[in-house]
Amino acid sequence: MSAHPWLHVTPWPKKRLPDDELWSRIERTLTLENMGVLATCGQGGPIASPIEFYAEGLTVYMYPQPGSPKIKAMRENPRISFAVHAPMVGWASIRGAQLFGRAELLEPHGPDWKRGMTIYRWEASALQLGRTVDDPPQGHLLRLDPDKVVYTEHWLRRDGYAPRQIWHKAKAN
């Protein structure tokens, strides 16, 4: 006997969550986690690496290392994917989101950069690196306002919903 018998039911449910509840679950995931994997595609192929992020709604802000291959790749091809997930302790706990959209590299000290730096919590990293918290880092800030989000949560199966849900910005407006 399993602690979660609904995990054994096949085929998996296909029912969609209401859009407002799906948006809320994605937003909650982006609030509870602050590490994800940013994937870009440059001339040498795909590059995916872990990066700290902070979100406002479904918009995420990241501070890519200045001069990194990721910055060059995003300038050549701004289409990116960003994935975040909760720690897994079993199938019932699987939860994560993969965001798709165009990278926006915000110029230092511009109005969007200044606003983004109020969301991106750079101060803790500055302290860990022995830097002052008087001035934020001076590089580009990456903003991703996703066009599409693929959300996965196996706990949804317990209530008869598909474990994979897709949110589209175009349909939400």
N, C-alpha and C. Protein backbone atom coordinates (compact mmCIF):
# COMPACT_ATOMS: atom_id res chain seq x y z
N MET A 1 0.84 -1.18 0.00
CA MET A 1 0.00 0.00 0.00
C MET A 1 0.89 1.24 0.00
N SER A 2 0.58 2.17 -0.85
CA SER A 2 1.36 3.40 -0.99
C SER A 2 0.75 4.52 -0.14
N ALA A 3 1.60 5.41 0.33
CA ALA A 3 1.11 6.57 1.07
C ALA A 3 0.33 7.51 0.15
N HIS A 4 0.60 7.44 -1.15
CA HIS A 4 -0.07 8.30 -2.13
C HIS A 4 -0.60 7.44 -3.28
N PRO A 5 -1.70 6.71 -3.08
CA PRO A 5 -2.18 5.80 -4.12
C PRO A 5 -2.53 6.50 -5.43
N TRP A 6 -2.87 7.78 -5.39
CA TRP A 6 -3.21 8.52 -6.62
C TRP A 6 -2.01 8.63 -7.56
N LEU A 7 -0.77 8.43 -7.06
CA LEU A 7 0.41 8.46 -7.93
C LEU A 7 0.45 7.26 -8.87
N HIS A 8 -0.25 6.18 -8.52
CA HIS A 8 -0.22 4.96 -9.33
C HIS A 8 -1.29 4.93 -10.41
N VAL A 9 -2.20 5.88 -10.39
CA VAL A 9 -3.31 5.90 -11.35
C VAL A 9 -2.79 6.27 -12.74
N THR A 10 -3.10 5.41 -13.72
CA THR A 10 -2.78 5.72 -15.12
C THR A 10 -4.03 5.47 -15.95
N PRO A 11 -4.24 6.16 -17.03
CA PRO A 11 -3.41 7.26 -17.48
C PRO A 11 -3.55 8.48 -16.55
N TRP A 12 -2.58 9.37 -16.61
CA TRP A 12 -2.63 10.57 -15.78
C TRP A 12 -3.78 11.46 -16.19
N PRO A 13 -4.33 12.21 -15.24
CA PRO A 13 -5.41 13.13 -15.59
C PRO A 13 -4.96 14.18 -16.61
N LYS A 14 -5.91 14.72 -17.36
CA LYS A 14 -5.61 15.72 -18.39
C LYS A 14 -6.31 17.06 -18.11
N LYS A 15 -7.06 17.13 -17.04
CA LYS A 15 -7.83 18.33 -16.72
C LYS A 15 -6.92 19.54 -16.46
N ARG A 16 -7.30 20.71 -17.04
CA ARG A 16 -6.54 21.94 -16.85
C ARG A 16 -6.99 22.69 -15.60
N LEU A 17 -6.01 23.29 -14.95
CA LEU A 17 -6.32 24.18 -13.82
C LEU A 17 -6.94 25.46 -14.37
N PRO A 18 -7.79 26.13 -13.60
CA PRO A 18 -8.24 27.46 -14.01
C PRO A 18 -7.02 28.39 -14.13
N ASP A 19 -7.03 29.30 -15.11
CA ASP A 19 -5.88 30.15 -15.39
C ASP A 19 -5.39 30.93 -14.17
N ASP A 20 -6.30 31.46 -13.38
CA ASP A 20 -5.87 32.26 -12.22
C ASP A 20 -5.16 31.39 -11.19
N GLU A 21 -5.61 30.15 -11.01
CA GLU A 21 -4.94 29.26 -10.07
C GLU A 21 -3.58 28.81 -10.59
N LEU A 22 -3.49 28.56 -11.89
CA LEU A 22 -2.21 28.19 -12.49
C LEU A 22 -1.21 29.34 -12.32
N TRP A 23 -1.62 30.55 -12.63
CA TRP A 23 -0.75 31.73 -12.48
C TRP A 23 -0.27 31.84 -11.03
N SER A 24 -1.18 31.64 -10.09
CA SER A 24 -0.85 31.74 -8.67
C SER A 24 0.17 30.67 -8.26
N ARG A 25 0.02 29.45 -8.75
CA ARG A 25 0.97 28.38 -8.41
C ARG A 25 2.36 28.65 -9.00
N ILE A 26 2.39 29.17 -10.23
CA ILE A 26 3.68 29.52 -10.84
C ILE A 26 4.33 30.64 -10.03
N GLU A 27 3.56 31.66 -9.71
CA GLU A 27 4.09 32.79 -8.94
C GLU A 27 4.63 32.31 -7.59
N ARG A 28 3.91 31.42 -6.94
CA ARG A 28 4.35 30.90 -5.63
C ARG A 28 5.67 30.14 -5.77
N THR A 29 5.80 29.33 -6.81
CA THR A 29 7.05 28.61 -7.03
C THR A 29 8.21 29.58 -7.23
N LEU A 30 7.97 30.66 -7.99
CA LEU A 30 9.02 31.65 -8.23
C LEU A 30 9.35 32.47 -6.98
N THR A 31 8.45 32.46 -6.03
CA THR A 31 8.69 33.18 -4.77
C THR A 31 9.42 32.30 -3.76
N LEU A 32 9.12 31.01 -3.75
CA LEU A 32 9.71 30.11 -2.76
C LEU A 32 11.14 29.69 -3.09
N GLU A 33 11.52 29.78 -4.34
CA GLU A 33 12.87 29.38 -4.76
C GLU A 33 13.62 30.62 -5.23
N ASN A 34 14.96 30.57 -5.21
CA ASN A 34 15.72 31.68 -5.77
C ASN A 34 16.95 31.22 -6.57
N MET A 35 16.98 29.93 -6.92
CA MET A 35 18.01 29.41 -7.81
C MET A 35 17.32 28.69 -8.95
N GLY A 36 17.85 28.90 -10.14
CA GLY A 36 17.29 28.23 -11.31
C GLY A 36 18.39 27.98 -12.31
N VAL A 37 18.03 27.46 -13.47
CA VAL A 37 18.99 27.20 -14.54
C VAL A 37 18.59 28.03 -15.75
N LEU A 38 19.50 28.88 -16.17
CA LEU A 38 19.30 29.73 -17.34
C LEU A 38 19.92 29.04 -18.55
N ALA A 39 19.14 28.85 -19.60
CA ALA A 39 19.62 28.20 -20.82
C ALA A 39 19.57 29.19 -21.97
N THR A 40 20.71 29.32 -22.65
CA THR A 40 20.84 30.16 -23.83
C THR A 40 21.40 29.30 -24.95
N CYS A 41 21.42 29.85 -26.15
CA CYS A 41 22.00 29.11 -27.26
C CYS A 41 22.89 30.07 -28.04
N GLY A 42 24.19 29.81 -27.99
CA GLY A 42 25.16 30.61 -28.72
C GLY A 42 25.65 29.87 -29.94
N GLN A 43 26.68 30.42 -30.58
CA GLN A 43 27.23 29.79 -31.78
C GLN A 43 27.82 28.42 -31.47
N GLY A 44 28.29 28.22 -30.24
CA GLY A 44 28.85 26.93 -29.86
C GLY A 44 27.81 25.94 -29.38
N GLY A 45 26.55 26.34 -29.40
CA GLY A 45 25.48 25.45 -28.95
C GLY A 45 24.87 25.92 -27.64
N PRO A 46 24.07 25.07 -27.00
CA PRO A 46 23.38 25.48 -25.78
C PRO A 46 24.34 25.64 -24.60
N ILE A 47 23.98 26.58 -23.75
CA ILE A 47 24.70 26.81 -22.49
C ILE A 47 23.63 26.88 -21.41
N ALA A 48 23.77 26.08 -20.37
CA ALA A 48 22.82 26.10 -19.25
C ALA A 48 23.62 26.10 -17.96
N SER A 49 23.31 27.04 -17.09
CA SER A 49 24.03 27.09 -15.83
C SER A 49 23.15 27.66 -14.73
N PRO A 50 23.47 27.30 -13.48
CA PRO A 50 22.66 27.79 -12.36
C PRO A 50 22.88 29.28 -12.15
N ILE A 51 21.81 29.94 -11.71
CA ILE A 51 21.89 31.38 -11.47
C ILE A 51 20.85 31.77 -10.42
N GLU A 52 21.20 32.73 -9.61
CA GLU A 52 20.29 33.29 -8.61
C GLU A 52 19.27 34.18 -9.33
N PHE A 53 18.04 34.19 -8.84
CA PHE A 53 17.02 35.03 -9.45
C PHE A 53 16.04 35.50 -8.37
N TYR A 54 15.30 36.54 -8.72
CA TYR A 54 14.20 37.02 -7.89
C TYR A 54 13.07 37.42 -8.84
N ALA A 55 11.85 37.25 -8.38
CA ALA A 55 10.70 37.45 -9.26
C ALA A 55 9.74 38.48 -8.70
N GLU A 56 9.04 39.08 -9.65
CA GLU A 56 7.88 39.92 -9.35
C GLU A 56 6.78 39.40 -10.27
N GLY A 57 5.77 38.77 -9.69
CA GLY A 57 4.78 38.09 -10.51
C GLY A 57 5.48 36.95 -11.23
N LEU A 58 5.33 36.90 -12.56
CA LEU A 58 6.01 35.87 -13.34
C LEU A 58 7.27 36.41 -14.02
N THR A 59 7.59 37.67 -13.79
CA THR A 59 8.79 38.28 -14.37
C THR A 59 9.97 38.01 -13.45
N VAL A 60 11.04 37.46 -14.01
CA VAL A 60 12.22 37.13 -13.21
C VAL A 60 13.38 38.04 -13.59
N TYR A 61 14.19 38.33 -12.58
CA TYR A 61 15.38 39.17 -12.73
C TYR A 61 16.59 38.36 -12.30
N MET A 62 17.65 38.42 -13.12
CA MET A 62 18.89 37.71 -12.85
C MET A 62 20.05 38.65 -13.13
N TYR A 63 21.16 38.38 -12.48
CA TYR A 63 22.36 39.18 -12.71
C TYR A 63 23.43 38.27 -13.32
N PRO A 64 23.47 38.19 -14.67
CA PRO A 64 24.49 37.32 -15.29
C PRO A 64 25.87 37.95 -15.12
N GLN A 65 26.86 37.10 -14.99
CA GLN A 65 28.23 37.58 -14.81
C GLN A 65 28.61 38.47 -15.99
N PRO A 66 29.08 39.70 -15.71
CA PRO A 66 29.49 40.60 -16.80
C PRO A 66 30.55 39.95 -17.69
N GLY A 67 30.37 40.09 -18.99
CA GLY A 67 31.33 39.55 -19.95
C GLY A 67 31.26 38.05 -20.15
N SER A 68 30.23 37.40 -19.59
CA SER A 68 30.13 35.95 -19.67
C SER A 68 29.67 35.49 -21.06
N PRO A 69 29.93 34.22 -21.41
CA PRO A 69 29.41 33.69 -22.68
C PRO A 69 27.89 33.80 -22.78
N LYS A 70 27.20 33.76 -21.64
CA LYS A 70 25.73 33.88 -21.67
C LYS A 70 25.30 35.25 -22.21
N ILE A 71 25.99 36.30 -21.81
CA ILE A 71 25.64 37.64 -22.29
C ILE A 71 25.82 37.70 -23.81
N LYS A 72 26.94 37.18 -24.28
CA LYS A 72 27.19 37.16 -25.73
C LYS A 72 26.11 36.35 -26.44
N ALA A 73 25.77 35.18 -25.89
CA ALA A 73 24.75 34.33 -26.52
C ALA A 73 23.40 35.04 -26.56
N MET A 74 23.03 35.73 -25.48
CA MET A 74 21.72 36.42 -25.45
C MET A 74 21.68 37.59 -26.42
N ARG A 75 22.82 38.19 -26.68
CA ARG A 75 22.85 39.28 -27.68
C ARG A 75 22.69 38.73 -29.08
N GLU A 76 23.23 37.55 -29.32
CA GLU A 76 23.10 36.92 -30.64
C GLU A 76 21.72 36.31 -30.84
N ASN A 77 21.19 35.72 -29.77
CA ASN A 77 19.89 35.06 -29.84
C ASN A 77 19.19 35.27 -28.49
N PRO A 78 18.27 36.24 -28.41
CA PRO A 78 17.65 36.55 -27.12
C PRO A 78 16.64 35.54 -26.61
N ARG A 79 16.32 34.50 -27.39
CA ARG A 79 15.39 33.48 -26.90
C ARG A 79 16.08 32.64 -25.84
N ILE A 80 15.45 32.55 -24.68
CA ILE A 80 16.04 31.80 -23.58
C ILE A 80 14.98 30.94 -22.90
N SER A 81 15.46 30.04 -22.10
CA SER A 81 14.61 29.24 -21.23
C SER A 81 15.20 29.32 -19.83
N PHE A 82 14.32 29.35 -18.85
CA PHE A 82 14.76 29.41 -17.46
C PHE A 82 13.92 28.42 -16.67
N ALA A 83 14.60 27.53 -15.93
CA ALA A 83 13.89 26.50 -15.17
C ALA A 83 14.20 26.63 -13.69
N VAL A 84 13.16 26.44 -12.89
CA VAL A 84 13.28 26.46 -11.44
C VAL A 84 12.49 25.29 -10.89
N HIS A 85 12.99 24.69 -9.82
CA HIS A 85 12.26 23.56 -9.23
C HIS A 85 12.47 23.53 -7.73
N ALA A 86 11.52 22.92 -7.07
CA ALA A 86 11.62 22.69 -5.62
C ALA A 86 12.46 21.44 -5.41
N PRO A 87 13.08 21.31 -4.25
CA PRO A 87 13.82 20.07 -3.96
C PRO A 87 12.88 18.86 -4.01
N MET A 88 13.36 17.77 -4.57
CA MET A 88 12.55 16.56 -4.69
C MET A 88 12.82 15.63 -3.50
N VAL A 89 11.74 15.22 -2.88
CA VAL A 89 11.85 14.21 -1.81
C VAL A 89 10.99 13.00 -2.13
N GLY A 90 10.49 12.95 -3.34
CA GLY A 90 9.63 11.87 -3.81
C GLY A 90 8.72 12.41 -4.90
N TRP A 91 8.07 11.49 -5.61
CA TRP A 91 7.21 11.91 -6.72
C TRP A 91 6.12 12.89 -6.31
N ALA A 92 5.59 12.74 -5.12
CA ALA A 92 4.52 13.64 -4.68
C ALA A 92 5.01 15.07 -4.53
N SER A 93 6.33 15.27 -4.39
CA SER A 93 6.87 16.61 -4.16
C SER A 93 7.34 17.30 -5.43
N ILE A 94 7.30 16.64 -6.57
CA ILE A 94 7.83 17.25 -7.80
C ILE A 94 7.02 18.49 -8.15
N ARG A 95 7.75 19.62 -8.23
CA ARG A 95 7.12 20.90 -8.58
C ARG A 95 8.17 21.80 -9.20
N GLY A 96 7.85 22.39 -10.34
CA GLY A 96 8.78 23.30 -10.99
C GLY A 96 8.14 24.02 -12.15
N ALA A 97 8.89 24.99 -12.68
CA ALA A 97 8.39 25.78 -13.80
C ALA A 97 9.53 26.02 -14.78
N GLN A 98 9.20 25.94 -16.06
CA GLN A 98 10.15 26.29 -17.11
C GLN A 98 9.56 27.45 -17.88
N LEU A 99 10.27 28.56 -17.89
CA LEU A 99 9.83 29.80 -18.51
C LEU A 99 10.52 29.96 -19.86
N PHE A 100 9.78 30.43 -20.85
CA PHE A 100 10.31 30.66 -22.18
C PHE A 100 10.01 32.10 -22.59
N GLY A 101 10.98 32.75 -23.19
CA GLY A 101 10.76 34.11 -23.67
C GLY A 101 12.04 34.71 -24.20
N ARG A 102 12.02 36.05 -24.30
CA ARG A 102 13.16 36.78 -24.84
C ARG A 102 13.88 37.49 -23.70
N ALA A 103 15.19 37.33 -23.67
CA ALA A 103 16.02 38.00 -22.67
C ALA A 103 16.03 39.50 -22.94
N GLU A 104 15.89 40.26 -21.89
CA GLU A 104 16.07 41.71 -21.97
C GLU A 104 17.25 42.06 -21.07
N LEU A 105 18.34 42.53 -21.66
CA LEU A 105 19.49 42.96 -20.89
C LEU A 105 19.31 44.44 -20.59
N LEU A 106 19.03 44.75 -19.35
CA LEU A 106 18.75 46.12 -18.95
C LEU A 106 20.06 46.85 -18.71
N GLU A 107 20.20 48.00 -19.34
CA GLU A 107 21.41 48.81 -19.23
C GLU A 107 21.55 49.38 -17.82
N PRO A 108 22.77 49.31 -17.26
CA PRO A 108 22.99 49.85 -15.92
C PRO A 108 22.54 51.31 -15.81
N HIS A 109 21.86 51.58 -14.73
CA HIS A 109 21.40 52.91 -14.31
C HIS A 109 20.20 53.44 -15.10
N GLY A 110 19.68 52.67 -16.06
CA GLY A 110 18.46 53.09 -16.75
C GLY A 110 17.27 52.89 -15.82
N PRO A 111 16.10 53.44 -16.15
CA PRO A 111 14.93 53.32 -15.27
C PRO A 111 14.48 51.87 -15.03
N ASP A 112 14.51 51.03 -16.06
CA ASP A 112 14.11 49.62 -15.88
C ASP A 112 15.13 48.88 -15.01
N TRP A 113 16.43 49.19 -15.19
CA TRP A 113 17.50 48.58 -14.40
C TRP A 113 17.33 48.97 -12.93
N LYS A 114 17.09 50.25 -12.68
CA LYS A 114 16.93 50.72 -11.29
C LYS A 114 15.75 50.04 -10.63
N ARG A 115 14.65 49.94 -11.34
CA ARG A 115 13.48 49.26 -10.78
C ARG A 115 13.77 47.78 -10.55
N GLY A 116 14.42 47.13 -11.52
CA GLY A 116 14.77 45.71 -11.38
C GLY A 116 15.69 45.46 -10.21
N MET A 117 16.59 46.38 -9.93
CA MET A 117 17.52 46.21 -8.81
C MET A 117 16.81 46.34 -7.46
N THR A 118 15.61 46.90 -7.44
CA THR A 118 14.83 46.90 -6.19
C THR A 118 14.20 45.53 -5.95
N ILE A 119 14.05 44.74 -7.00
CA ILE A 119 13.48 43.39 -6.89
C ILE A 119 14.59 42.36 -6.69
N TYR A 120 15.69 42.52 -7.44
CA TYR A 120 16.82 41.60 -7.33
C TYR A 120 17.56 41.91 -6.02
N ARG A 121 17.66 40.94 -5.15
CA ARG A 121 18.25 41.16 -3.82
C ARG A 121 19.77 40.97 -3.85
N TRP A 122 20.45 41.94 -4.37
CA TRP A 122 21.89 41.88 -4.58
C TRP A 122 22.69 42.07 -3.29
N GLU A 123 22.09 42.65 -2.27
CA GLU A 123 22.83 42.99 -1.05
C GLU A 123 23.41 41.77 -0.34
N ALA A 124 22.65 40.69 -0.24
CA ALA A 124 23.14 39.49 0.44
C ALA A 124 24.37 38.92 -0.26
N SER A 125 24.34 38.88 -1.59
CA SER A 125 25.50 38.38 -2.34
C SER A 125 26.69 39.30 -2.16
N ALA A 126 26.45 40.61 -2.15
CA ALA A 126 27.54 41.56 -1.95
C ALA A 126 28.22 41.32 -0.61
N LEU A 127 27.44 41.11 0.43
CA LEU A 127 28.02 40.85 1.75
C LEU A 127 28.83 39.56 1.77
N GLN A 128 28.30 38.51 1.13
CA GLN A 128 29.02 37.24 1.08
C GLN A 128 30.36 37.38 0.35
N LEU A 129 30.41 38.28 -0.62
CA LEU A 129 31.62 38.48 -1.39
C LEU A 129 32.54 39.55 -0.79
N GLY A 130 32.15 40.08 0.38
CA GLY A 130 32.96 41.08 1.05
C GLY A 130 32.90 42.45 0.39
N ARG A 131 31.81 42.71 -0.32
CA ARG A 131 31.64 44.00 -1.01
C ARG A 131 30.70 44.89 -0.21
N THR A 132 30.72 46.14 -0.52
CA THR A 132 29.86 47.11 0.14
C THR A 132 28.42 46.99 -0.35
N VAL A 133 27.48 47.36 0.49
CA VAL A 133 26.08 47.39 0.07
C VAL A 133 25.63 48.83 -0.21
N ASP A 134 26.59 49.71 -0.33
CA ASP A 134 26.28 51.10 -0.64
C ASP A 134 25.88 51.30 -2.09
N ASP A 135 26.46 50.48 -2.98
CA ASP A 135 26.18 50.60 -4.42
C ASP A 135 25.92 49.23 -5.00
N PRO A 136 24.87 49.09 -5.83
CA PRO A 136 24.61 47.79 -6.47
C PRO A 136 25.69 47.48 -7.50
N PRO A 137 25.77 46.21 -7.93
CA PRO A 137 26.72 45.87 -9.00
C PRO A 137 26.37 46.68 -10.25
N GLN A 138 27.35 46.88 -11.09
CA GLN A 138 27.19 47.83 -12.20
C GLN A 138 26.96 47.19 -13.56
N GLY A 139 26.75 45.88 -13.62
CA GLY A 139 26.54 45.22 -14.90
C GLY A 139 25.09 45.21 -15.34
N HIS A 140 24.86 44.54 -16.46
CA HIS A 140 23.50 44.39 -16.99
C HIS A 140 22.66 43.53 -16.04
N LEU A 141 21.39 43.84 -15.97
CA LEU A 141 20.42 43.02 -15.26
C LEU A 141 19.57 42.34 -16.32
N LEU A 142 19.36 41.06 -16.17
CA LEU A 142 18.55 40.29 -17.12
C LEU A 142 17.11 40.23 -16.62
N ARG A 143 16.19 40.60 -17.50
CA ARG A 143 14.77 40.48 -17.18
C ARG A 143 14.14 39.52 -18.18
N LEU A 144 13.37 38.59 -17.64
CA LEU A 144 12.61 37.66 -18.47
C LEU A 144 11.15 37.78 -18.09
N ASP A 145 10.35 38.30 -19.01
CA ASP A 145 8.91 38.37 -18.87
C ASP A 145 8.38 37.27 -19.80
N PRO A 146 8.09 36.09 -19.27
CA PRO A 146 7.87 34.92 -20.13
C PRO A 146 6.63 35.01 -21.02
N ASP A 147 6.77 34.42 -22.20
CA ASP A 147 5.64 34.26 -23.12
C ASP A 147 4.88 32.98 -22.82
N LYS A 148 5.62 32.00 -22.26
CA LYS A 148 5.04 30.69 -21.99
C LYS A 148 5.72 30.12 -20.75
N VAL A 149 4.93 29.42 -19.94
CA VAL A 149 5.47 28.72 -18.77
C VAL A 149 4.90 27.30 -18.77
N VAL A 150 5.77 26.32 -18.65
CA VAL A 150 5.35 24.94 -18.46
C VAL A 150 5.53 24.65 -16.97
N TYR A 151 4.42 24.41 -16.31
CA TYR A 151 4.42 24.18 -14.86
C TYR A 151 4.14 22.70 -14.60
N THR A 152 4.96 22.11 -13.73
CA THR A 152 4.79 20.70 -13.38
C THR A 152 4.61 20.57 -11.88
N GLU A 153 3.57 19.87 -11.48
CA GLU A 153 3.33 19.59 -10.06
C GLU A 153 2.55 18.28 -9.98
N HIS A 154 3.20 17.25 -9.53
CA HIS A 154 2.52 15.95 -9.47
C HIS A 154 1.43 15.89 -8.42
N TRP A 155 1.48 16.74 -7.42
CA TRP A 155 0.42 16.76 -6.40
C TRP A 155 -0.93 17.09 -7.02
N LEU A 156 -0.94 17.78 -8.16
CA LEU A 156 -2.20 18.11 -8.85
C LEU A 156 -2.97 16.85 -9.23
N ARG A 157 -2.26 15.76 -9.48
CA ARG A 157 -2.92 14.50 -9.86
C ARG A 157 -3.89 14.03 -8.78
N ARG A 158 -3.57 14.32 -7.53
CA ARG A 158 -4.43 13.91 -6.41
C ARG A 158 -5.83 14.50 -6.56
N ASP A 159 -5.91 15.70 -7.13
CA ASP A 159 -7.20 16.36 -7.28
C ASP A 159 -7.76 16.25 -8.70
N GLY A 160 -7.20 15.34 -9.51
CA GLY A 160 -7.74 15.08 -10.84
C GLY A 160 -7.24 16.01 -11.93
N TYR A 161 -6.18 16.79 -11.66
CA TYR A 161 -5.62 17.69 -12.66
C TYR A 161 -4.37 17.09 -13.29
N ALA A 162 -4.08 17.50 -14.51
CA ALA A 162 -2.86 17.07 -15.19
C ALA A 162 -1.65 17.59 -14.42
N PRO A 163 -0.61 16.78 -14.31
CA PRO A 163 0.57 17.23 -13.58
C PRO A 163 1.38 18.29 -14.34
N ARG A 164 1.16 18.40 -15.64
CA ARG A 164 1.85 19.39 -16.45
C ARG A 164 0.80 20.36 -17.00
N GLN A 165 1.00 21.62 -16.68
CA GLN A 165 0.07 22.67 -17.09
C GLN A 165 0.85 23.72 -17.88
N ILE A 166 0.22 24.31 -18.88
CA ILE A 166 0.91 25.30 -19.71
C ILE A 166 0.18 26.63 -19.65
N TRP A 167 0.93 27.67 -19.31
CA TRP A 167 0.42 29.04 -19.26
C TRP A 167 0.99 29.81 -20.44
N HIS A 168 0.13 30.55 -21.14
CA HIS A 168 0.55 31.39 -22.27
C HIS A 168 0.19 32.83 -21.98
N LYS A 169 1.16 33.70 -22.11
CA LYS A 169 0.93 35.13 -21.89
C LYS A 169 -0.17 35.66 -22.82
N ALA A 170 -0.12 35.25 -24.08
CA ALA A 170 -1.09 35.73 -25.05
C ALA A 170 -2.52 35.40 -24.66
N LYS A 171 -2.74 34.26 -24.04
CA LYS A 171 -4.08 33.85 -23.63
C LYS A 171 -4.51 34.52 -22.33
N ALA A 172 -3.52 34.97 -21.54
CA ALA A 172 -3.82 35.57 -20.24
C ALA A 172 -4.23 37.03 -20.36
N ASN A 173 -3.86 37.66 -21.45
CA ASN A 173 -4.18 39.09 -21.62
C ASN A 173 -5.56 39.31 -22.15
